[in-house]
Amino acid sequence: MKLDDLKTQWQKEITLLNQNQTLNMQVAHVSEKMSKLEKQIASRDKRETWLLLPAIPVFLFMAWNADHWISQSGCLLAVILMLLQPFVLNRAKPNSATKLLSTKAYLENQLTMVNKQIKLLKDIWLWSLLPLFFAMSLIYIGDNLDNLFKWVMPIYFGFIGLVFYLVYWLNARAVKQDLLPRKQELEQTLAELSNPEQV
């Protein structure tokens, strides 16, 4: 967006928001909720990254002491996945430059961020849980080549499946409770900002 276009957009929005106090309050309300959501996302990303850090040396130690290359591969794959997770989370982060944009462009940017977060959390099974399950399976197989189907196998995979289901359920709940309402508010506010005659 060129500087002249941005100035024109700002002037239109300032006039519209001054004329329509309800819309002005709605934009302020949505912006406040989005600021809280951004802090919540930043806190979640930091927490998940710091929780992974202690596990990395543990898996490296396990890889070093593994008796079979299959177990080593599983441990190293788990380490790679843990190192990649912060980069995956970072791709869906809000853009800090959005505050400098016009109100409409800022809200559009926030909507893009919310859509990225929804996709990230809905697809967690694809970019996190499934690859991690494969890594855990390799570790189990490598450690139990002589007797794969012993009594501990259903307990091992059952526990992993339960933990992964819990993680997926928590992410699905976050989408439903936190992200979808923000998405609807942003879409509604953008629609009213774009078509003031309908307000």
Protein backbone atom coordinates (compact mmCIF):
# COMPACT_ATOMS: atom_id res chain seq x y z
CA MET A 1 0.00 0.00 0.00
CA LYS A 2 1.43 3.40 -1.06
CA LEU A 3 1.77 6.20 1.50
CA ASP A 4 -0.84 8.39 -0.27
CA ASP A 5 -3.31 5.48 -0.37
CA LEU A 6 -2.64 4.81 3.30
CA LYS A 7 -3.31 8.46 4.21
CA THR A 8 -6.56 8.41 2.23
CA GLN A 9 -7.62 5.16 3.94
CA TRP A 10 -6.81 6.62 7.37
CA GLN A 11 -8.83 9.79 6.65
CA LYS A 12 -11.85 7.76 5.52
CA GLU A 13 -11.64 5.52 8.59
CA ILE A 14 -11.22 8.45 11.01
CA THR A 15 -14.30 10.17 9.50
CA LEU A 16 -16.31 6.94 9.63
CA LEU A 17 -15.27 6.09 13.20
CA ASN A 18 -16.01 9.65 14.39
CA GLN A 19 -19.46 9.53 12.79
CA ASN A 20 -20.29 6.06 14.11
CA GLN A 21 -19.44 5.74 17.81
CA THR A 22 -20.84 2.18 17.97
CA LEU A 23 -18.42 1.03 15.26
CA ASN A 24 -15.60 2.96 16.95
CA MET A 25 -16.29 1.17 20.24
CA GLN A 26 -16.54 -2.18 18.42
CA VAL A 27 -13.12 -1.65 16.75
CA ALA A 28 -11.59 -0.70 20.12
CA HIS A 29 -13.19 -3.75 21.77
CA VAL A 30 -11.94 -6.13 19.06
CA SER A 31 -8.44 -4.59 19.17
CA GLU A 32 -8.33 -5.05 22.95
CA LYS A 33 -9.37 -8.70 22.67
CA MET A 34 -6.78 -9.27 19.91
CA SER A 35 -4.04 -7.78 22.12
CA LYS A 36 -4.99 -10.25 24.86
CA LEU A 37 -4.99 -13.11 22.34
CA GLU A 38 -1.54 -12.10 21.05
CA LYS A 39 -0.17 -12.19 24.62
CA GLN A 40 -1.84 -15.55 25.20
CA ILE A 41 -0.29 -16.98 22.00
CA ALA A 42 3.17 -15.59 22.89
CA SER A 43 2.88 -17.10 26.39
CA ARG A 44 1.78 -20.48 24.98
CA ASP A 45 4.66 -20.56 22.47
CA LYS A 46 7.25 -19.71 25.14
CA ARG A 47 5.82 -22.30 27.53
CA GLU A 48 5.84 -25.06 24.91
CA THR A 49 9.38 -24.20 23.79
CA TRP A 50 10.73 -24.17 27.37
CA LEU A 51 8.99 -27.49 28.11
CA LEU A 52 10.74 -29.10 25.13
CA LEU A 53 14.25 -27.90 26.01
CA PRO A 54 14.89 -30.37 28.90
CA ALA A 55 13.73 -33.28 26.71
CA ILE A 56 16.34 -32.63 23.98
CA PRO A 57 19.43 -33.71 26.02
CA VAL A 58 17.46 -36.72 27.34
CA PHE A 59 16.75 -37.95 23.79
CA LEU A 60 20.36 -37.23 22.73
CA PHE A 61 21.57 -39.30 25.69
CA MET A 62 19.14 -42.08 24.73
CA ALA A 63 20.41 -41.98 21.13
CA TRP A 64 24.03 -42.20 22.34
CA ASN A 65 23.26 -45.24 24.52
CA ALA A 66 20.82 -47.00 22.17
CA ASP A 67 21.68 -50.57 21.25
CA HIS A 68 20.18 -50.43 17.78
CA TRP A 69 20.22 -47.89 14.95
CA ILE A 70 16.40 -47.97 14.80
CA SER A 71 16.19 -46.62 18.36
CA GLN A 72 18.89 -44.06 17.57
CA SER A 73 16.91 -42.91 14.52
CA GLY A 74 13.75 -42.52 16.64
CA CYS A 75 15.59 -40.48 19.29
CA LEU A 76 17.26 -38.23 16.69
CA LEU A 77 13.95 -37.74 14.84
CA ALA A 78 12.33 -36.70 18.15
CA VAL A 79 15.15 -34.17 18.72
CA ILE A 80 14.75 -32.75 15.20
CA LEU A 81 10.98 -32.39 15.70
CA MET A 82 11.52 -30.59 19.02
CA LEU A 83 14.03 -28.21 17.42
CA LEU A 84 11.65 -27.48 14.52
CA GLN A 85 8.58 -26.78 16.67
CA PRO A 86 9.55 -23.18 17.65
CA PHE A 87 9.98 -22.34 13.94
CA VAL A 88 6.56 -23.80 13.11
CA LEU A 89 4.96 -21.81 15.94
CA ASN A 90 6.80 -18.64 14.88
CA ARG A 91 5.33 -18.80 11.34
CA ALA A 92 1.82 -18.29 12.75
CA LYS A 93 2.77 -15.42 15.09
CA PRO A 94 1.18 -11.96 14.77
CA ASN A 95 3.09 -9.40 12.74
CA SER A 96 4.32 -6.64 15.08
CA ALA A 97 4.24 -4.08 12.25
CA THR A 98 0.43 -4.30 11.96
CA LYS A 99 -0.07 -1.47 14.49
CA LEU A 100 1.34 0.99 11.91
CA LEU A 101 -1.31 0.11 9.35
CA SER A 102 -4.76 1.61 8.84
CA THR A 103 -7.57 0.19 10.99
CA LYS A 104 -8.89 -1.95 8.14
CA ALA A 105 -5.42 -3.26 7.19
CA TYR A 106 -4.66 -3.94 10.86
CA LEU A 107 -7.87 -5.95 11.29
CA GLU A 108 -7.21 -7.84 8.05
CA ASN A 109 -3.72 -8.67 9.29
CA GLN A 110 -5.14 -9.89 12.61
CA LEU A 111 -7.69 -12.02 10.76
CA THR A 112 -4.84 -13.60 8.75
CA MET A 113 -3.02 -14.35 12.00
CA VAL A 114 -6.13 -15.92 13.58
CA ASN A 115 -6.67 -18.08 10.47
CA LYS A 116 -3.01 -19.21 10.66
CA GLN A 117 -3.43 -20.08 14.35
CA ILE A 118 -6.63 -22.05 13.64
CA LYS A 119 -4.87 -24.01 10.88
CA LEU A 120 -1.82 -24.57 13.11
CA LEU A 121 -3.88 -26.00 15.98
CA LYS A 122 -6.24 -28.02 13.79
CA ASP A 123 -3.30 -29.57 11.89
CA ILE A 124 -1.23 -30.38 15.01
CA TRP A 125 -1.65 -34.09 14.32
CA LEU A 126 0.07 -33.60 10.94
CA TRP A 127 3.07 -31.41 11.88
CA SER A 128 3.63 -32.65 15.46
CA LEU A 129 1.72 -35.65 16.78
CA LEU A 130 2.02 -38.07 13.84
CA PRO A 131 5.80 -37.52 13.30
CA LEU A 132 6.38 -37.76 17.09
CA PHE A 133 4.33 -40.98 17.22
CA PHE A 134 6.53 -42.37 14.43
CA ALA A 135 9.67 -41.41 16.42
CA MET A 136 8.30 -43.08 19.59
CA SER A 137 7.45 -46.19 17.56
CA LEU A 138 11.01 -46.40 16.22
CA ILE A 139 12.38 -46.15 19.77
CA TYR A 140 10.09 -48.95 20.94
CA ILE A 141 10.85 -51.18 17.94
CA GLY A 142 14.61 -50.68 18.23
CA ASP A 143 14.58 -51.48 21.96
CA ASN A 144 12.36 -54.56 21.58
CA LEU A 145 13.44 -56.22 18.33
CA ASP A 146 13.70 -59.65 19.97
CA ASN A 147 10.15 -59.56 21.35
CA LEU A 148 8.06 -56.81 19.77
CA PHE A 149 4.64 -58.04 20.86
CA LYS A 150 5.21 -58.41 24.59
CA TRP A 151 2.64 -57.38 27.24
CA VAL A 152 4.09 -53.87 27.65
CA MET A 153 3.38 -52.93 24.01
CA PRO A 154 -0.34 -52.05 24.40
CA ILE A 155 0.44 -50.09 27.59
CA TYR A 156 3.24 -48.13 25.84
CA PHE A 157 1.22 -47.24 22.73
CA GLY A 158 -1.99 -46.79 24.73
CA PHE A 159 -0.31 -44.23 26.99
CA ILE A 160 1.22 -42.36 24.01
CA GLY A 161 -2.15 -42.42 22.22
CA LEU A 162 -3.92 -41.06 25.32
CA VAL A 163 -1.40 -38.22 25.75
CA PHE A 164 -1.61 -37.33 22.05
CA TYR A 165 -5.42 -37.39 22.12
CA LEU A 166 -5.38 -35.05 25.15
CA VAL A 167 -3.04 -32.64 23.32
CA TYR A 168 -5.29 -32.72 20.24
CA TRP A 169 -8.42 -32.17 22.35
CA LEU A 170 -6.85 -29.20 24.18
CA ASN A 171 -5.91 -27.61 20.85
CA ALA A 172 -9.41 -28.22 19.41
CA ARG A 173 -10.92 -26.59 22.54
CA ALA A 174 -8.59 -23.58 22.17
CA VAL A 175 -9.76 -23.16 18.56
CA LYS A 176 -13.44 -23.34 19.59
CA GLN A 177 -13.24 -21.13 22.70
CA ASP A 178 -10.55 -18.57 21.81
CA LEU A 179 -9.90 -18.38 18.08
CA LEU A 180 -13.27 -18.88 16.34
CA PRO A 181 -15.01 -16.12 18.38
CA ARG A 182 -12.12 -13.72 17.55
CA LYS A 183 -12.38 -14.67 13.87
CA GLN A 184 -16.13 -13.96 13.83
CA GLU A 185 -15.65 -10.59 15.57
CA LEU A 186 -12.92 -9.57 13.13
CA GLU A 187 -14.99 -10.59 10.10
CA GLN A 188 -18.04 -8.73 11.41
CA THR A 189 -16.06 -5.56 12.22
CA LEU A 190 -14.31 -5.63 8.84
CA ALA A 191 -17.66 -6.05 7.06
CA GLU A 192 -19.10 -3.05 8.93
CA LEU A 193 -15.96 -0.99 8.30
CA SER A 194 -16.07 -1.82 4.57
CA ASN A 195 -19.82 -1.21 4.23
CA PRO A 196 -20.73 1.62 6.65
CA GLU A 197 -24.17 2.08 5.05
CA GLN A 198 -25.16 -1.37 6.38
CA VAL A 199 -24.32 -0.40 9.99
